[in-house]
Structure formats: C-alpha cells, structure tokens
Amino acid sequence: MPDDPFEPARRPHPAAGPPALPAAPPAARLRVVVADDNPVVRAGLGVLLSGRADIQVVAEAADGREAYEKTLHHRPDVVLLDVRMPGVDGISALPHLVGLAPVLMLTYSRESEIVHEALRLGAGGYLVHGEFTADQLVQAVRDTRNGRANFTATAADALLAHMRHGTAPDRVPLPDGLGAALSTAPPPPVHHLPRPGEPSESLSQLQPPVGQSSVTGGSVSPPNRQQYGLSSREVEVMDLIASGMSNQQIAATCFISEKTVKNHINRIFTKLHSTTRSEAIARWLGTAPRDPGRHP
C-alpha cells in the first residue's frame, strides 16, 4: 500500500541505550566516639568532625568508663581517647576499648612513657593537641579506621628514640598514677549490650588506687627534688624537659625566649650534676642509678 501523503514521515527511533542503573546508596558515615573530660574540647571536636560529610560523632564520654560503655553500645569505627581523665583514665580504659574499635589517642599528654604505654596497649596513633591542624586530625581519623597510624611530632620522636635504641624503654611508673585502674579481668563479650542504666561489667568496678602504678602495683615514692635547690621557674622548665618538650616548645609554653630557656637549662644541669638531657631527666624522676661518688 502506498504511503499516505498526508501522514508525517516516520523517523526511525534511535537505538535504545542500556537501562539506567539504580543510584548507588550513599556511603556509610564514619562513626566516632569522643572521650575527653573537657566539655569544650568535646564540643569542638563534635562540630569539627560532624561538619565533614563522611564523619559522624555518635557519642561523647567524660571518662574511661563512660567511653567503654558508649563504645560498647554504639560500635563506632574510631574512638578518640584522652589520657588524663577523672575516675578511669584513658590508659586504664585503652586495653578494653581496642577490642571493640580502633583507638586514636588525642591528648595534651606528651610524656614519652605515656606514648610508649599507649602504643603498647594497642593505640592506633597518638596526636598531641597543638601539633596538628584540623585537616590533619580529620585525615588521622580516617586513617585510623583504615589501619594507618598517625603520630604528631612529640609522639613520633618518642617512637623514633625507641627504634634507635632497639630495646623497649625501662618500665617506669606513669605520671599521676595513670593506668592504675587497669583490670586483669577480661572485658565482657562484645555481643553483650548494656541495657539503659546498666553499668559496664568490665570497668564499673575499677577504682584507680591512689599512689599505685600499673606496672608494679605498689606505692610510688616521689623523688626528693628539694635537694637540688631549683628555683620555681627552673622546676617548671625541668618538668617540661621531662615531659619531652624541645627548647622551642618550652619557650612558647613559658612565654620566654629560647636563649632564656638555654640559660635555665645550663643552671639546671649544674644543680642536677648532669651533662645531658637524659641524665637530668633520670635524676629528676628518681630513676638514675645511685653513684656514691657524686652529689647529691
């Protein structure tokens, strides 16, 4: 049959393409628990991290026991853990937390012995406040979830010193009795979720005994520092030296020049009868071997 001259010419249909694929579901956000006794720090971290599209702060905790309970309940991808907290401190809570989620230490505590103990107990990284930017913190959180460690300068220096010596540092009591609430009892099975108001089986009974060490379990006798006759400023500088600070960091902390710091250190070394930083620290912490031929 001839074509109808009044019917518009039919155009061939274009070849049909492949069917449209369904939209991919949005990637799950990285879930974080923040444990710090300072509410301002917790709030700041919450705003910073939750402001990223791929991160969500699911809970906050003010001490180690609460951190464990929140981690057990929320099952986060990463826990940010402070060291010095009332009740159960971060070092005491750490071995219980690492069985539940990767832990990134985020703290003002810069003492080398604390860095070593945190890493020994399973921390996946160690960041000291004031030594990282906001972007570096966010990347460290992502890296911790993926099993990559991050260290700021102070922690990296402590780790490097350990590697250079090739042996573990002497186990000495941690400052402030940290780690004293460590429990030898295993934590409850991870499938157990506490009911609202139910205390954690693992940490609810832990009370940090005053003046005890997680290493020795006995009382810690502080060294007699008065024998050295340091001034109040020299005591402050020596405490910062023992914490692992460099001259530049001490100058910034005390609001003095590096030249003044060096002058203080020279006088401190003379009074402590020391010629090196490590020797001065050992005498200051009371860990130096007794030498009857030297005074004091």
Protein backbone atom coordinates (compact mmCIF):
# COMPACT_ATOMS: atom_id res chain seq x y z
CA MET A 1 0.00 0.00 0.00
CA PRO A 2 1.37 3.42 -0.91
CA ASP A 3 2.20 5.73 1.89
CA ASP A 4 -0.42 8.27 2.92
CA PRO A 5 0.91 11.62 1.61
CA PHE A 6 -0.77 13.44 4.48
CA GLU A 7 0.85 11.35 7.20
CA PRO A 8 4.08 12.84 8.58
CA ALA A 9 7.13 10.86 7.65
CA ARG A 10 8.06 8.43 10.36
CA ARG A 11 11.57 8.80 11.67
CA PRO A 12 13.42 5.77 12.81
CA HIS A 13 13.69 5.52 16.60
CA PRO A 14 17.22 5.90 17.89
CA ALA A 15 18.81 2.78 19.19
CA ALA A 16 17.80 2.25 22.79
CA GLY A 17 20.72 2.60 25.22
CA PRO A 18 21.38 0.36 28.23
CA PRO A 19 18.88 0.66 31.07
CA ALA A 20 19.75 3.26 33.66
CA LEU A 21 21.48 1.80 36.71
CA PRO A 22 19.94 2.49 40.12
CA ALA A 23 21.68 5.22 42.08
CA ALA A 24 24.34 3.90 44.42
CA PRO A 25 23.38 4.12 48.08
CA PRO A 26 25.20 6.84 49.99
CA ALA A 27 28.37 5.64 51.67
CA ALA A 28 28.03 4.97 55.39
CA ARG A 29 29.47 7.75 57.52
CA LEU A 30 32.47 7.04 59.70
CA ARG A 31 31.16 6.81 63.27
CA VAL A 32 33.26 8.31 66.08
CA VAL A 33 33.10 8.33 69.88
CA VAL A 34 34.93 11.26 71.52
CA ALA A 35 36.25 10.73 75.07
CA ASP A 36 37.63 13.79 76.86
CA ASP A 37 36.85 15.22 80.29
CA ASN A 38 36.84 18.79 78.93
CA PRO A 39 33.34 19.62 77.59
CA VAL A 40 34.75 22.44 75.45
CA VAL A 41 37.14 20.03 73.72
CA ARG A 42 34.33 17.52 73.18
CA ALA A 43 32.06 20.18 71.73
CA GLY A 44 34.78 21.49 69.43
CA LEU A 45 35.63 18.05 68.14
CA GLY A 46 31.96 17.30 67.62
CA VAL A 47 31.47 20.41 65.47
CA LEU A 48 34.69 19.84 63.53
CA LEU A 49 34.18 16.16 62.76
CA SER A 50 30.43 16.12 62.23
CA GLY A 51 30.87 19.02 59.82
CA ARG A 52 32.53 16.59 57.40
CA ALA A 53 30.20 14.74 55.05
CA ASP A 54 31.72 11.33 55.79
CA ILE A 55 32.08 11.54 59.59
CA GLN A 56 29.55 11.46 62.40
CA VAL A 57 30.18 11.82 66.15
CA VAL A 58 27.75 9.30 67.64
CA ALA A 59 28.60 9.76 71.33
CA GLU A 60 30.72 11.68 73.81
CA ALA A 61 32.27 10.49 77.07
CA ALA A 62 33.84 12.29 80.01
CA ASP A 63 35.96 9.43 81.39
CA GLY A 64 37.29 6.00 80.52
CA ARG A 65 34.37 4.05 81.98
CA GLU A 66 31.83 6.07 80.04
CA ALA A 67 33.96 5.76 76.91
CA TYR A 68 33.84 1.98 77.23
CA GLU A 69 30.08 1.92 77.76
CA LYS A 70 29.40 4.27 74.82
CA THR A 71 31.74 2.28 72.58
CA LEU A 72 30.12 -0.99 73.55
CA HIS A 73 26.67 0.46 72.81
CA HIS A 74 27.35 2.43 69.61
CA ARG A 75 30.03 0.24 67.98
CA PRO A 76 31.90 3.20 66.40
CA ASP A 77 34.54 2.96 63.69
CA VAL A 78 37.04 5.04 65.73
CA VAL A 79 37.39 6.17 69.35
CA LEU A 80 39.22 9.42 70.12
CA LEU A 81 40.65 9.00 73.62
CA ASP A 82 42.19 11.49 76.05
CA VAL A 83 44.80 10.29 78.56
CA ARG A 84 44.14 12.25 81.74
CA MET A 85 40.52 11.92 82.83
CA PRO A 86 38.96 11.59 86.29
CA GLY A 87 37.93 8.18 87.57
CA VAL A 88 39.12 5.69 84.94
CA ASP A 89 41.81 7.38 82.87
CA GLY A 90 42.44 6.78 79.18
CA ILE A 91 45.41 4.46 79.68
CA SER A 92 43.33 2.25 82.00
CA ALA A 93 40.42 2.14 79.55
CA LEU A 94 42.57 1.62 76.45
CA PRO A 95 43.06 -2.18 76.58
CA HIS A 96 39.30 -2.61 76.97
CA LEU A 97 38.48 -0.27 74.10
CA VAL A 98 40.87 -1.67 71.50
CA GLY A 99 38.91 -4.92 71.49
CA LEU A 100 35.86 -3.00 70.35
CA ALA A 101 37.16 -0.34 67.94
CA PRO A 102 40.39 1.29 66.71
CA VAL A 103 41.56 3.94 69.18
CA LEU A 104 43.36 7.19 68.34
CA MET A 105 44.90 8.96 71.35
CA LEU A 106 44.06 12.67 71.24
CA THR A 107 45.54 14.39 74.25
CA TYR A 108 47.69 17.10 75.80
CA SER A 109 49.84 14.42 77.47
CA ARG A 110 53.24 14.37 75.78
CA GLU A 111 55.38 12.33 78.22
CA SER A 112 57.35 9.68 76.35
CA GLU A 113 56.49 6.93 78.84
CA ILE A 114 52.79 7.60 78.26
CA VAL A 115 53.27 7.46 74.49
CA HIS A 116 55.06 4.11 74.79
CA GLU A 117 52.44 2.67 77.14
CA ALA A 118 49.56 3.76 74.89
CA LEU A 119 51.16 2.14 71.86
CA ARG A 120 52.00 -1.00 73.85
CA LEU A 121 48.35 -1.30 74.88
CA GLY A 122 47.12 -1.08 71.29
CA ALA A 123 46.50 2.56 70.39
CA GLY A 124 46.39 3.08 66.63
CA GLY A 125 48.01 6.52 66.74
CA TYR A 126 48.93 9.37 69.07
CA LEU A 127 48.16 13.06 68.48
CA VAL A 128 49.18 15.84 70.88
CA HIS A 129 46.98 18.93 70.91
CA GLY A 130 48.69 21.94 69.36
CA GLU A 131 50.74 19.81 66.96
CA PHE A 132 48.18 19.23 64.20
CA THR A 133 45.72 21.13 62.02
CA ALA A 134 42.00 20.45 61.70
CA ASP A 135 42.51 18.80 58.31
CA GLN A 136 45.30 16.61 59.70
CA LEU A 137 43.03 15.48 62.53
CA VAL A 138 40.24 14.58 60.12
CA GLN A 139 42.65 12.61 57.95
CA ALA A 140 44.06 10.86 61.02
CA VAL A 141 40.56 9.74 62.00
CA ARG A 142 40.00 8.31 58.52
CA ASP A 143 43.42 6.65 58.55
CA THR A 144 42.80 5.08 61.95
CA ARG A 145 39.64 3.43 60.66
CA ASN A 146 41.70 2.02 57.78
CA GLY A 147 44.52 0.78 60.00
CA ARG A 148 47.07 3.50 59.21
CA ALA A 149 48.85 5.08 62.17
CA ASN A 150 49.33 8.82 62.69
CA PHE A 151 51.71 10.50 65.14
CA THR A 152 52.40 14.15 65.84
CA ALA A 153 55.97 15.33 66.41
CA THR A 154 56.23 14.57 70.14
CA ALA A 155 54.88 11.03 69.78
CA ALA A 156 56.97 10.38 66.67
CA ASP A 157 60.12 11.48 68.49
CA ALA A 158 59.39 9.07 71.35
CA LEU A 159 58.76 6.24 68.89
CA LEU A 160 61.91 7.05 66.91
CA ALA A 161 64.05 7.09 70.06
CA HIS A 162 62.74 3.64 70.93
CA MET A 163 63.54 2.32 67.45
CA ARG A 164 67.06 3.76 67.54
CA HIS A 165 67.83 2.10 70.84
CA GLY A 166 66.35 -1.16 69.61
CA THR A 167 65.06 -2.10 73.03
CA ALA A 168 61.96 -1.29 74.99
CA PRO A 169 62.35 1.61 77.40
CA ASP A 170 62.55 0.88 81.10
CA ARG A 171 59.08 0.42 82.54
CA VAL A 172 58.66 3.27 84.99
CA PRO A 173 55.58 4.37 86.92
CA LEU A 174 53.37 6.58 84.77
CA PRO A 175 52.71 10.16 85.93
CA ASP A 176 49.65 10.87 88.07
CA GLY A 177 49.03 7.16 88.68
CA LEU A 178 47.84 6.70 85.11
CA GLY A 179 46.94 3.14 84.24
CA ALA A 180 46.38 2.22 87.87
CA ALA A 181 42.81 1.18 87.13
CA LEU A 182 43.87 -1.48 84.65
CA SER A 183 41.90 -4.66 85.22
CA THR A 184 43.26 -8.15 84.76
CA ALA A 185 39.74 -9.49 84.22
CA PRO A 186 38.74 -9.85 80.57
CA PRO A 187 36.07 -7.48 79.25
CA PRO A 188 32.57 -8.86 78.69
CA PRO A 189 31.79 -10.46 75.31
CA VAL A 190 31.40 -7.84 72.62
CA HIS A 191 27.92 -9.14 71.75
CA HIS A 192 26.68 -8.03 75.17
CA LEU A 193 24.98 -4.64 75.02
CA PRO A 194 24.21 -3.00 78.35
CA ARG A 195 20.63 -2.01 78.99
CA PRO A 196 19.97 1.67 79.78
CA GLY A 197 21.34 2.39 83.20
CA GLU A 198 23.24 -0.91 83.38
CA PRO A 199 26.89 -0.41 84.40
CA SER A 200 29.67 -1.91 82.33
CA GLU A 201 30.78 -5.27 83.71
CA SER A 202 34.41 -4.63 82.86
CA LEU A 203 35.00 -1.10 84.07
CA SER A 204 32.21 -0.40 86.54
CA GLN A 205 34.19 -1.73 89.48
CA LEU A 206 37.52 -0.16 88.59
CA GLN A 207 38.69 2.48 91.03
CA PRO A 208 42.15 3.94 90.45
CA PRO A 209 44.07 3.34 93.69
CA VAL A 210 45.89 6.43 94.80
CA GLY A 211 49.67 6.28 94.58
CA GLN A 212 49.82 2.93 92.76
CA SER A 213 51.41 2.01 89.49
CA SER A 214 50.01 -0.25 86.79
CA VAL A 215 53.50 -1.70 86.41
CA THR A 216 54.47 -2.53 89.95
CA GLY A 217 51.13 -2.48 91.71
CA GLY A 218 52.87 -0.89 94.71
CA SER A 219 53.10 2.62 96.05
CA VAL A 220 55.18 5.14 94.21
CA SER A 221 57.72 7.14 96.20
CA PRO A 222 58.27 10.55 94.61
CA PRO A 223 61.90 11.65 94.30
CA ASN A 224 63.24 14.25 96.73
CA ARG A 225 63.56 17.17 94.31
CA GLN A 226 64.12 19.77 97.02
CA GLN A 227 67.68 18.50 97.38
CA TYR A 228 68.63 20.09 94.08
CA GLY A 229 67.67 23.62 95.11
CA LEU A 230 65.95 24.60 91.85
CA SER A 231 64.01 27.84 91.68
CA SER A 232 60.28 27.75 90.90
CA ARG A 233 60.97 28.70 87.27
CA GLU A 234 63.71 26.07 86.99
CA VAL A 235 61.30 23.47 88.39
CA GLU A 236 58.77 24.45 85.74
CA VAL A 237 61.37 24.20 82.97
CA MET A 238 62.68 20.87 84.27
CA ASP A 239 59.16 19.41 84.36
CA LEU A 240 58.71 20.44 80.73
CA ILE A 241 62.07 18.90 79.80
CA ALA A 242 61.00 15.65 81.48
CA SER A 243 57.74 15.72 79.50
CA GLY A 244 59.76 15.62 76.27
CA MET A 245 59.44 19.23 75.15
CA SER A 246 62.07 20.85 72.97
CA ASN A 247 63.63 24.22 73.87
CA GLN A 248 61.34 25.88 71.34
CA GLN A 249 58.24 24.30 72.87
CA ILE A 250 59.36 25.25 76.38
CA ALA A 251 59.91 28.84 75.28
CA ALA A 252 56.40 29.00 73.80
CA THR A 253 54.84 27.41 76.87
CA CYS A 254 56.62 29.70 79.37
CA PHE A 255 56.45 32.82 77.17
CA ILE A 256 60.21 33.31 77.28
CA SER A 257 62.94 33.32 74.64
CA GLU A 258 64.87 30.22 73.64
CA LYS A 259 68.05 31.91 74.91
CA THR A 260 66.45 32.24 78.35
CA VAL A 261 65.43 28.59 78.20
CA LYS A 262 69.05 27.61 77.46
CA ASN A 263 70.25 29.69 80.40
CA HIS A 264 67.76 27.94 82.69
CA ILE A 265 68.85 24.54 81.37
CA ASN A 266 72.53 25.31 81.97
CA ARG A 267 71.79 26.20 85.60
CA ILE A 268 69.53 23.15 85.99
CA PHE A 269 72.22 20.81 84.66
CA THR A 270 74.72 22.28 87.09
CA LYS A 271 72.40 21.78 90.07
CA LEU A 272 71.46 18.26 88.98
CA HIS A 273 75.11 17.38 88.30
CA SER A 274 74.12 16.30 84.79
CA THR A 275 75.67 16.85 81.40
CA THR A 276 72.86 15.57 79.17
CA ARG A 277 69.10 15.91 78.97
CA SER A 278 68.53 12.20 79.58
CA GLU A 279 70.76 12.23 82.67
CA ALA A 280 68.95 15.26 84.07
CA ILE A 281 65.57 13.65 83.45
CA ALA A 282 66.66 10.43 85.15
CA ARG A 283 67.82 12.35 88.23
CA TRP A 284 64.67 14.48 88.26
CA LEU A 285 62.39 11.45 88.02
CA GLY A 286 64.43 9.50 90.56
CA THR A 287 65.34 6.73 88.11
CA ALA A 288 69.08 7.42 87.89
CA PRO A 289 71.32 4.75 89.47
CA ARG A 290 72.90 5.80 92.72
CA ASP A 291 76.53 6.89 92.40
CA PRO A 292 78.25 7.28 95.79
CA GLY A 293 80.99 9.35 94.22
CA ARG A 294 78.62 12.14 93.13
CA HIS A 295 76.36 14.54 94.97
CA PRO A 296 73.62 14.80 95.68
